Amino acid sequence: MKFILFLSLPLYAIDQLTKQLVLRFISPDEPRVLVRDFFSLVSVTNTGAAFGSFRGNNTFFIAISSVALVVVLGLLLGARARDRWRDVSLALLLAGILGNLTDRLLYGHVIDFLLFDLHIPYAHPWPAFNVADSCISVAVVLFIIHSFWRQKNTE
């Protein structure tokens, strides 16, 4: 459990710190271009889910996030055997859920600030995201890799 907290809490803190810096130093109408035509820091609010879908449903997403938080904590606390891949995935998921849930509870929306323009269809630009979103995305990828790896080893 210490390992999970050692990973989750710093990521949660980084998420919240970066969002505070965005709120303080970046105006919604004045993005900070770091790499021209590729990467900017922006200040975007999101009351919906991934990519801004289902906007205006903050209360619903607070409920879903709360349920997800309880499920993740249950999986972490109820595990009989330790599985490093699973634990890392759940720790990342925990940090991401906590980060975005905190935003929803404090501000009524999630603060997104990382904006990449990949110059390809459907990713021009890629929707803005934050550290918590990154934690969730990496957790999902790790879960998928781990599932295939476990399935291959049991055959």
Protein backbone atom coordinates (compact mmCIF):
# COMPACT_ATOMS: atom_id res chain seq x y z
CA MET A 1 0.00 0.00 0.00
CA LYS A 2 2.91 2.35 0.68
CA PHE A 3 4.04 1.90 -2.92
CA ILE A 4 0.61 2.92 -4.19
CA LEU A 5 0.56 6.05 -2.05
CA PHE A 6 4.16 6.80 -3.06
CA LEU A 7 2.99 6.89 -6.70
CA SER A 8 -0.57 8.26 -6.40
CA LEU A 9 -0.09 11.14 -3.99
CA PRO A 10 2.79 12.87 -5.82
CA LEU A 11 0.96 12.56 -9.15
CA TYR A 12 -2.19 13.98 -7.57
CA ALA A 13 -0.13 16.84 -6.10
CA ILE A 14 1.52 17.55 -9.47
CA ASP A 15 -1.90 17.59 -11.13
CA GLN A 16 -3.30 20.06 -8.61
CA LEU A 17 -0.17 22.23 -8.59
CA THR A 18 -0.07 22.52 -12.38
CA LYS A 19 -3.76 23.43 -12.47
CA GLN A 20 -3.21 26.14 -9.85
CA LEU A 21 -0.35 27.54 -11.92
CA VAL A 22 -2.57 27.56 -15.00
CA LEU A 23 -5.34 29.37 -13.12
CA ARG A 24 -2.87 31.93 -11.85
CA PHE A 25 -0.71 32.57 -14.91
CA ILE A 26 -2.62 31.64 -18.07
CA SER A 27 -5.63 33.57 -19.26
CA PRO A 28 -8.30 31.58 -21.14
CA ASP A 29 -7.92 33.87 -24.15
CA GLU A 30 -4.09 34.00 -24.17
CA PRO A 31 -2.45 30.60 -24.67
CA ARG A 32 1.29 30.27 -24.04
CA VAL A 33 2.91 28.80 -27.14
CA LEU A 34 5.90 26.67 -26.14
CA VAL A 35 6.58 24.93 -29.46
CA ARG A 36 5.09 26.85 -32.39
CA ASP A 37 2.42 24.89 -34.32
CA PHE A 38 2.78 21.93 -31.95
CA PHE A 39 2.45 22.55 -28.19
CA SER A 40 0.79 25.25 -26.09
CA LEU A 41 -0.31 25.78 -22.53
CA VAL A 42 -3.93 26.90 -22.41
CA SER A 43 -6.63 27.42 -19.82
CA VAL A 44 -9.71 25.41 -20.77
CA THR A 45 -12.66 24.38 -18.61
CA ASN A 46 -14.42 21.09 -19.23
CA THR A 47 -17.76 20.20 -17.62
CA GLY A 48 -17.96 17.00 -19.63
CA ALA A 49 -15.92 13.87 -20.16
CA ALA A 50 -13.02 13.05 -22.46
CA PHE A 51 -12.62 15.43 -25.41
CA GLY A 52 -15.33 17.68 -23.97
CA SER A 53 -18.09 15.18 -24.70
CA PHE A 54 -21.29 15.24 -22.62
CA ARG A 55 -20.77 18.84 -21.50
CA GLY A 56 -22.82 20.28 -18.69
CA ASN A 57 -23.07 17.01 -16.76
CA ASN A 58 -20.74 17.83 -13.88
CA THR A 59 -23.01 16.31 -11.21
CA PHE A 60 -23.24 13.06 -13.17
CA PHE A 61 -19.45 12.91 -13.52
CA ILE A 62 -18.99 13.62 -9.81
CA ALA A 63 -21.19 10.59 -9.09
CA ILE A 64 -19.39 8.37 -11.63
CA SER A 65 -15.98 9.49 -10.34
CA SER A 66 -17.01 8.80 -6.75
CA VAL A 67 -18.14 5.27 -7.65
CA ALA A 68 -14.91 4.69 -9.61
CA LEU A 69 -12.89 5.94 -6.64
CA VAL A 70 -14.61 3.48 -4.30
CA VAL A 71 -14.09 0.62 -6.77
CA VAL A 72 -10.38 1.41 -7.23
CA LEU A 73 -9.85 1.69 -3.47
CA GLY A 74 -11.72 -1.59 -2.99
CA LEU A 75 -9.49 -3.32 -5.54
CA LEU A 76 -6.36 -1.90 -3.94
CA LEU A 77 -7.32 -2.69 -0.37
CA GLY A 78 -8.94 -6.04 -1.09
CA ALA A 79 -6.13 -7.62 -3.09
CA ARG A 80 -4.84 -10.80 -1.51
CA ALA A 81 -1.76 -11.11 -3.70
CA ARG A 82 0.31 -8.17 -4.87
CA ASP A 83 0.61 -7.70 -8.61
CA ARG A 84 2.99 -4.85 -9.48
CA TRP A 85 1.44 -4.10 -12.91
CA ARG A 86 -2.07 -4.05 -11.50
CA ASP A 87 -0.99 -1.93 -8.54
CA VAL A 88 0.77 0.63 -10.75
CA SER A 89 -2.28 0.81 -13.01
CA LEU A 90 -4.62 1.29 -10.08
CA ALA A 91 -2.31 3.86 -8.48
CA LEU A 92 -2.29 5.90 -11.69
CA LEU A 93 -6.05 5.53 -11.98
CA LEU A 94 -6.46 6.65 -8.37
CA ALA A 95 -4.35 9.78 -8.96
CA GLY A 96 -6.29 10.64 -12.11
CA ILE A 97 -9.72 10.12 -10.59
CA LEU A 98 -8.80 12.17 -7.51
CA GLY A 99 -7.33 14.98 -9.62
CA ASN A 100 -10.36 15.48 -11.83
CA LEU A 101 -12.85 14.82 -9.03
CA THR A 102 -11.18 17.53 -6.95
CA ASP A 103 -11.62 19.98 -9.84
CA ARG A 104 -15.27 19.08 -10.28
CA LEU A 105 -15.97 19.55 -6.58
CA LEU A 106 -13.99 22.80 -6.19
CA TYR A 107 -14.69 24.54 -9.48
CA GLY A 108 -17.65 22.78 -11.09
CA HIS A 109 -15.47 21.72 -14.04
CA VAL A 110 -12.13 20.13 -14.89
CA ILE A 111 -9.17 22.36 -15.76
CA ASP A 112 -7.36 21.27 -18.93
CA PHE A 113 -4.17 22.96 -20.09
CA LEU A 114 -1.95 20.80 -22.30
CA LEU A 115 -2.70 21.38 -25.98
CA PHE A 116 -0.93 19.53 -28.78
CA ASP A 117 -1.55 20.04 -32.48
CA LEU A 118 -0.66 16.83 -34.30
CA HIS A 119 -1.64 18.22 -37.73
CA ILE A 120 -3.55 15.11 -38.68
CA PRO A 121 -7.31 14.67 -39.23
CA TYR A 122 -9.29 14.51 -35.96
CA ALA A 123 -6.24 15.69 -33.99
CA HIS A 124 -5.86 19.23 -35.30
CA PRO A 125 -5.51 20.20 -32.49
CA TRP A 126 -5.80 17.32 -30.06
CA PRO A 127 -8.28 18.27 -27.31
CA ALA A 128 -6.65 19.89 -24.27
CA PHE A 129 -5.97 17.60 -21.31
CA ASN A 130 -4.23 17.60 -17.93
CA VAL A 131 -1.96 15.47 -15.73
CA ALA A 132 -4.92 13.55 -14.24
CA ASP A 133 -6.15 12.67 -17.74
CA SER A 134 -2.66 11.44 -18.59
CA CYS A 135 -2.59 9.24 -15.49
CA ILE A 136 -5.94 7.70 -16.45
CA SER A 137 -4.85 7.11 -20.05
CA VAL A 138 -1.56 5.47 -19.04
CA ALA A 139 -3.43 3.32 -16.48
CA VAL A 140 -5.79 2.05 -19.18
CA VAL A 141 -2.89 1.21 -21.51
CA LEU A 142 -1.10 -0.63 -18.69
CA PHE A 143 -4.27 -2.59 -17.86
CA ILE A 144 -4.60 -3.66 -21.50
CA ILE A 145 -0.94 -4.68 -21.79
CA HIS A 146 -1.12 -6.54 -18.49
CA SER A 147 -4.30 -8.37 -19.55
CA PHE A 148 -2.71 -9.61 -22.77
CA TRP A 149 0.49 -10.54 -20.96
CA ARG A 150 -1.37 -12.51 -18.28
CA GLN A 151 -3.56 -14.19 -20.88
CA LYS A 152 -0.50 -15.22 -22.91
CA ASN A 153 1.25 -16.63 -19.82
CA THR A 154 -1.78 -18.70 -18.75
CA GLU A 155 -2.08 -20.47 -22.10
